[in-house]
Amino acid sequence: MSDQVTASHILLMYQGAMRSRASRSKQEAAQQIQQIKQKIDTGGDFAELARQCSDCPSGKRGGDLGTFGRGQMVKEFEQTAFALAVGATSGVIETPFGYHIIRRTA
């Protein structure tokens, strides 16, 4: 079992999410993240979509979060990132920060 992963993500926040300044509703965020996921699933460039769409500052780096260990991310995010095979992309997950799509890169 790996103690560290390297991952990128796309985050869409919504009104009421932790640290959110987004004006979109939770429903709007859910719809938008599903559209982004469909683009990725049909060959869209993950890093470019992160730069265009992500509400996280990591979006400027194509969603790159670097390497992190267990206990550094919120539970839902950590469980998903560590469960992915290298190169795999998650489905949409929700954390207190909003909706994420995660790609494990190492």
C-alpha atoms as a PDB file:
ATOM      1  CA  MET A   1       0.000   0.000   0.000  1.00  0.00           C
ATOM      2  CA  SER A   2       1.461   3.344  -1.081  1.00  0.00           C
ATOM      3  CA  ASP A   3       2.035   6.063   1.518  1.00  0.00           C
ATOM      4  CA  GLN A   4       2.019   8.852  -1.066  1.00  0.00           C
ATOM      5  CA  VAL A   5       0.351   9.709  -4.345  1.00  0.00           C
ATOM      6  CA  THR A   6       0.762  12.427  -6.922  1.00  0.00           C
ATOM      7  CA  ALA A   7      -2.474  13.754  -8.345  1.00  0.00           C
ATOM      8  CA  SER A   8      -4.221  16.541 -10.178  1.00  0.00           C
ATOM      9  CA  HIS A   9      -7.799  17.622  -9.794  1.00  0.00           C
ATOM     10  CA  ILE A  10     -10.537  19.882 -11.039  1.00  0.00           C
ATOM     11  CA  LEU A  11     -12.656  21.526  -8.347  1.00  0.00           C
ATOM     12  CA  LEU A  12     -15.981  23.253  -8.766  1.00  0.00           C
ATOM     13  CA  MET A  13     -17.141  25.054  -5.648  1.00  0.00           C
ATOM     14  CA  TYR A  14     -20.683  26.212  -4.964  1.00  0.00           C
ATOM     15  CA  GLN A  15     -22.451  28.552  -2.580  1.00  0.00           C
ATOM     16  CA  GLY A  16     -22.110  27.221   0.936  1.00  0.00           C
ATOM     17  CA  ALA A  17     -19.108  24.962   0.262  1.00  0.00           C
ATOM     18  CA  MET A  18     -16.102  25.359   2.558  1.00  0.00           C
ATOM     19  CA  ARG A  19     -13.936  28.378   1.596  1.00  0.00           C
ATOM     20  CA  SER A  20     -16.132  28.964  -1.456  1.00  0.00           C
ATOM     21  CA  ARG A  21     -16.492  32.320  -3.132  1.00  0.00           C
ATOM     22  CA  ALA A  22     -18.469  30.776  -6.001  1.00  0.00           C
ATOM     23  CA  SER A  23     -21.827  32.216  -6.955  1.00  0.00           C
ATOM     24  CA  ARG A  24     -23.122  29.018  -8.587  1.00  0.00           C
ATOM     25  CA  SER A  25     -25.643  26.824  -6.813  1.00  0.00           C
ATOM     26  CA  LYS A  26     -24.848  23.278  -5.780  1.00  0.00           C
ATOM     27  CA  GLN A  27     -27.082  22.023  -8.610  1.00  0.00           C
ATOM     28  CA  GLU A  28     -25.309  24.222 -11.171  1.00  0.00           C
ATOM     29  CA  ALA A  29     -21.921  22.983  -9.956  1.00  0.00           C
ATOM     30  CA  ALA A  30     -23.097  19.359 -10.193  1.00  0.00           C
ATOM     31  CA  GLN A  31     -24.253  19.874 -13.767  1.00  0.00           C
ATOM     32  CA  GLN A  32     -21.062  21.670 -14.777  1.00  0.00           C
ATOM     33  CA  ILE A  33     -18.736  19.064 -13.241  1.00  0.00           C
ATOM     34  CA  GLN A  34     -20.636  16.294 -15.046  1.00  0.00           C
ATOM     35  CA  GLN A  35     -20.137  18.153 -18.343  1.00  0.00           C
ATOM     36  CA  ILE A  36     -16.411  18.460 -17.619  1.00  0.00           C
ATOM     37  CA  LYS A  37     -16.238  14.742 -16.778  1.00  0.00           C
ATOM     38  CA  GLN A  38     -17.912  13.902 -20.102  1.00  0.00           C
ATOM     39  CA  LYS A  39     -15.317  15.991 -21.946  1.00  0.00           C
ATOM     40  CA  ILE A  40     -12.502  14.145 -20.171  1.00  0.00           C
ATOM     41  CA  ASP A  41     -14.122  10.780 -20.913  1.00  0.00           C
ATOM     42  CA  THR A  42     -14.294  11.636 -24.619  1.00  0.00           C
ATOM     43  CA  GLY A  43     -10.639  12.670 -24.888  1.00  0.00           C
ATOM     44  CA  GLY A  44     -10.608  16.183 -23.465  1.00  0.00           C
ATOM     45  CA  ASP A  45      -7.292  17.402 -22.082  1.00  0.00           C
ATOM     46  CA  PHE A  46      -7.480  17.158 -18.278  1.00  0.00           C
ATOM     47  CA  ALA A  47      -4.854  19.848 -17.631  1.00  0.00           C
ATOM     48  CA  GLU A  48      -6.427  22.282 -20.063  1.00  0.00           C
ATOM     49  CA  LEU A  49      -9.887  21.729 -18.564  1.00  0.00           C
ATOM     50  CA  ALA A  50      -8.412  22.310 -15.110  1.00  0.00           C
ATOM     51  CA  ARG A  51      -6.876  25.594 -16.289  1.00  0.00           C
ATOM     52  CA  GLN A  52     -10.190  26.693 -17.814  1.00  0.00           C
ATOM     53  CA  CYS A  53     -12.663  25.456 -15.213  1.00  0.00           C
ATOM     54  CA  SER A  54     -11.178  24.672 -11.791  1.00  0.00           C
ATOM     55  CA  ASP A  55     -11.898  26.933  -8.824  1.00  0.00           C
ATOM     56  CA  CYS A  56      -8.743  25.713  -7.067  1.00  0.00           C
ATOM     57  CA  PRO A  57      -5.521  27.749  -7.402  1.00  0.00           C
ATOM     58  CA  SER A  58      -3.947  24.508  -8.691  1.00  0.00           C
ATOM     59  CA  GLY A  59      -5.960  25.019 -11.876  1.00  0.00           C
ATOM     60  CA  LYS A  60      -3.245  27.402 -13.079  1.00  0.00           C
ATOM     61  CA  ARG A  61      -0.885  24.395 -12.985  1.00  0.00           C
ATOM     62  CA  GLY A  62      -3.287  22.155 -14.880  1.00  0.00           C
ATOM     63  CA  GLY A  63      -4.764  20.944 -11.596  1.00  0.00           C
ATOM     64  CA  ASP A  64      -1.431  19.592 -10.309  1.00  0.00           C
ATOM     65  CA  LEU A  65      -1.491  19.119  -6.524  1.00  0.00           C
ATOM     66  CA  GLY A  66       1.943  17.517  -6.368  1.00  0.00           C
ATOM     67  CA  THR A  67       2.650  14.614  -4.035  1.00  0.00           C
ATOM     68  CA  PHE A  68       0.811  14.171  -0.758  1.00  0.00           C
ATOM     69  CA  GLY A  69       0.566  11.562   1.945  1.00  0.00           C
ATOM     70  CA  ARG A  70      -2.216  10.044   3.939  1.00  0.00           C
ATOM     71  CA  GLY A  71      -3.920  12.448   6.291  1.00  0.00           C
ATOM     72  CA  GLN A  72      -3.130  15.540   4.226  1.00  0.00           C
ATOM     73  CA  MET A  73      -6.407  15.742   2.301  1.00  0.00           C
ATOM     74  CA  VAL A  74     -10.032  15.451   3.383  1.00  0.00           C
ATOM     75  CA  LYS A  75     -11.196  11.853   3.762  1.00  0.00           C
ATOM     76  CA  GLU A  76     -13.270  11.560   0.574  1.00  0.00           C
ATOM     77  CA  PHE A  77     -10.505  13.029  -1.553  1.00  0.00           C
ATOM     78  CA  GLU A  78      -7.782  10.905   0.032  1.00  0.00           C
ATOM     79  CA  GLN A  79      -9.725   7.651  -0.294  1.00  0.00           C
ATOM     80  CA  THR A  80     -10.401   8.285  -3.965  1.00  0.00           C
ATOM     81  CA  ALA A  81      -6.873   9.431  -4.860  1.00  0.00           C
ATOM     82  CA  PHE A  82      -5.200   6.468  -3.137  1.00  0.00           C
ATOM     83  CA  ALA A  83      -7.646   3.987  -4.716  1.00  0.00           C
ATOM     84  CA  LEU A  84      -6.919   5.114  -8.293  1.00  0.00           C
ATOM     85  CA  ALA A  85      -4.376   3.368 -10.468  1.00  0.00           C
ATOM     86  CA  VAL A  86      -1.632   5.615 -11.846  1.00  0.00           C
ATOM     87  CA  GLY A  87      -3.046   7.359 -14.913  1.00  0.00           C
ATOM     88  CA  ALA A  88      -6.670   6.743 -13.909  1.00  0.00           C
ATOM     89  CA  THR A  89      -9.305   9.429 -13.509  1.00  0.00           C
ATOM     90  CA  SER A  90     -12.016   9.324 -10.858  1.00  0.00           C
ATOM     91  CA  GLY A  91     -15.692   9.882 -11.230  1.00  0.00           C
ATOM     92  CA  VAL A  92     -17.140  13.002  -9.661  1.00  0.00           C
ATOM     93  CA  ILE A  93     -16.730  13.067  -5.891  1.00  0.00           C
ATOM     94  CA  GLU A  94     -18.009  15.560  -3.351  1.00  0.00           C
ATOM     95  CA  THR A  95     -16.054  16.934  -0.407  1.00  0.00           C
ATOM     96  CA  PRO A  96     -16.825  19.872   1.887  1.00  0.00           C
ATOM     97  CA  PHE A  97     -15.034  22.066  -0.711  1.00  0.00           C
ATOM     98  CA  GLY A  98     -17.266  21.113  -3.655  1.00  0.00           C
ATOM     99  CA  TYR A  99     -17.140  18.648  -6.544  1.00  0.00           C
ATOM    100  CA  HIS A 100     -13.854  17.159  -7.744  1.00  0.00           C
ATOM    101  CA  ILE A 101     -12.516  15.026 -10.562  1.00  0.00           C
ATOM    102  CA  ILE A 102      -9.157  13.522  -9.611  1.00  0.00           C
ATOM    103  CA  ARG A 103      -6.428  12.103 -11.833  1.00  0.00           C
ATOM    104  CA  ARG A 104      -3.644  10.112 -10.205  1.00  0.00           C
ATOM    105  CA  THR A 105      -0.392  10.887 -11.969  1.00  0.00           C
ATOM    106  CA  ALA A 106       2.092   8.862  -9.890  1.00  0.00           C
END
